[in-house]
């Protein structure tokens, strides 16, 4: 997987959406905002939307908490 620079605003959008998913409160509007921003970042980076989304989800959903060793 290519190392794509994910902007902070997209990381925050995904964190917000992930929290909403876990709480059962995700709205269509929130999901749409994330998808639209993923599409923008993919176009800017010259990468596929899927590659950006995969890297973003890996970063937000599967990263180790700060200070924790894998």
C-alpha atoms as a PDB file:
ATOM      1  CA  UNK A   1       0.000   0.000   0.000  1.00  0.00           C
ATOM      2  CA  UNK A   2       1.340   3.436  -0.940  1.00  0.00           C
ATOM      3  CA  UNK A   3       2.145   5.793   1.911  1.00  0.00           C
ATOM      4  CA  UNK A   4      -0.353   8.594   1.335  1.00  0.00           C
ATOM      5  CA  UNK A   5      -0.229  11.785   3.365  1.00  0.00           C
ATOM      6  CA  UNK A   6      -3.615  11.976   5.059  1.00  0.00           C
ATOM      7  CA  UNK A   7      -4.596  15.546   6.034  1.00  0.00           C
ATOM      8  CA  UNK A   8      -5.497  16.243   9.660  1.00  0.00           C
ATOM      9  CA  UNK A   9      -9.009  17.373   8.766  1.00  0.00           C
ATOM     10  CA  UNK A  10      -9.763  14.021   7.150  1.00  0.00           C
ATOM     11  CA  UNK A  11      -8.352  12.145  10.138  1.00  0.00           C
ATOM     12  CA  UNK A  12     -10.631  14.144  12.434  1.00  0.00           C
ATOM     13  CA  UNK A  13     -13.650  13.488  10.203  1.00  0.00           C
ATOM     14  CA  UNK A  14     -12.944   9.755  10.240  1.00  0.00           C
ATOM     15  CA  UNK A  15     -12.397   9.733  14.012  1.00  0.00           C
ATOM     16  CA  UNK A  16     -15.739  11.452  14.460  1.00  0.00           C
ATOM     17  CA  UNK A  17     -17.452   8.979  12.130  1.00  0.00           C
ATOM     18  CA  UNK A  18     -15.785   5.997  13.816  1.00  0.00           C
ATOM     19  CA  UNK A  19     -16.963   7.195  17.230  1.00  0.00           C
ATOM     20  CA  UNK A  20     -20.465   7.636  15.843  1.00  0.00           C
ATOM     21  CA  UNK A  21     -20.382   4.114  14.368  1.00  0.00           C
ATOM     22  CA  UNK A  22     -19.343   2.676  17.722  1.00  0.00           C
ATOM     23  CA  UNK A  23     -22.138   4.593  19.460  1.00  0.00           C
ATOM     24  CA  UNK A  24     -24.745   3.730  16.824  1.00  0.00           C
ATOM     25  CA  UNK A  25     -25.246   7.400  15.917  1.00  0.00           C
ATOM     26  CA  UNK A  26     -23.629   7.699  12.487  1.00  0.00           C
ATOM     27  CA  UNK A  27     -25.668   9.885  10.161  1.00  0.00           C
ATOM     28  CA  UNK A  28     -25.769   9.843   6.388  1.00  0.00           C
ATOM     29  CA  UNK A  29     -24.480  13.424   6.403  1.00  0.00           C
ATOM     30  CA  UNK A  30     -21.398  12.520   8.464  1.00  0.00           C
ATOM     31  CA  UNK A  31     -20.623   9.492   6.308  1.00  0.00           C
ATOM     32  CA  UNK A  32     -21.055  11.571   3.165  1.00  0.00           C
ATOM     33  CA  UNK A  33     -18.654  14.261   4.421  1.00  0.00           C
ATOM     34  CA  UNK A  34     -15.993  11.636   5.037  1.00  0.00           C
ATOM     35  CA  UNK A  35     -16.489  10.048   1.614  1.00  0.00           C
ATOM     36  CA  UNK A  36     -16.397  13.398  -0.179  1.00  0.00           C
ATOM     37  CA  UNK A  37     -13.155  14.367   1.570  1.00  0.00           C
ATOM     38  CA  UNK A  38     -11.602  10.969   0.799  1.00  0.00           C
ATOM     39  CA  UNK A  39     -12.419  11.536  -2.873  1.00  0.00           C
ATOM     40  CA  UNK A  40     -10.796  14.992  -2.777  1.00  0.00           C
ATOM     41  CA  UNK A  41      -7.634  13.718  -1.081  1.00  0.00           C
ATOM     42  CA  UNK A  42      -7.377  10.816  -3.527  1.00  0.00           C
ATOM     43  CA  UNK A  43      -7.590  13.190  -6.497  1.00  0.00           C
ATOM     44  CA  UNK A  44      -5.006  15.540  -4.951  1.00  0.00           C
ATOM     45  CA  UNK A  45      -2.631  12.626  -4.231  1.00  0.00           C
ATOM     46  CA  UNK A  46      -3.146  10.897  -7.573  1.00  0.00           C
ATOM     47  CA  UNK A  47      -4.209   7.748  -5.723  1.00  0.00           C
ATOM     48  CA  UNK A  48      -7.309   5.615  -5.812  1.00  0.00           C
ATOM     49  CA  UNK A  49     -10.113   6.475  -3.435  1.00  0.00           C
ATOM     50  CA  UNK A  50      -9.916   2.950  -2.078  1.00  0.00           C
ATOM     51  CA  UNK A  51      -6.208   3.279  -1.247  1.00  0.00           C
ATOM     52  CA  UNK A  52      -6.825   6.525   0.644  1.00  0.00           C
ATOM     53  CA  UNK A  53      -9.764   5.040   2.533  1.00  0.00           C
ATOM     54  CA  UNK A  54      -7.832   1.903   3.475  1.00  0.00           C
ATOM     55  CA  UNK A  55      -4.888   3.897   4.804  1.00  0.00           C
ATOM     56  CA  UNK A  56      -7.206   6.283   6.667  1.00  0.00           C
ATOM     57  CA  UNK A  57      -9.115   3.451   8.361  1.00  0.00           C
ATOM     58  CA  UNK A  58      -5.858   1.713   9.271  1.00  0.00           C
ATOM     59  CA  UNK A  59      -4.602   4.932  10.817  1.00  0.00           C
ATOM     60  CA  UNK A  60      -7.778   5.756  12.758  1.00  0.00           C
ATOM     61  CA  UNK A  61      -9.178   2.354  13.653  1.00  0.00           C
ATOM     62  CA  UNK A  62      -6.092   0.192  14.096  1.00  0.00           C
ATOM     63  CA  UNK A  63      -3.342   2.459  15.348  1.00  0.00           C
ATOM     64  CA  UNK A  64      -1.721   1.883  18.716  1.00  0.00           C
ATOM     65  CA  UNK A  65      -2.547   4.397  21.451  1.00  0.00           C
ATOM     66  CA  UNK A  66       0.312   6.809  22.089  1.00  0.00           C
ATOM     67  CA  UNK A  67       2.967   5.260  24.304  1.00  0.00           C
ATOM     68  CA  UNK A  68       1.710   1.693  23.804  1.00  0.00           C
ATOM     69  CA  UNK A  69       4.089  -0.808  22.264  1.00  0.00           C
ATOM     70  CA  UNK A  70       2.769  -3.322  19.750  1.00  0.00           C
END
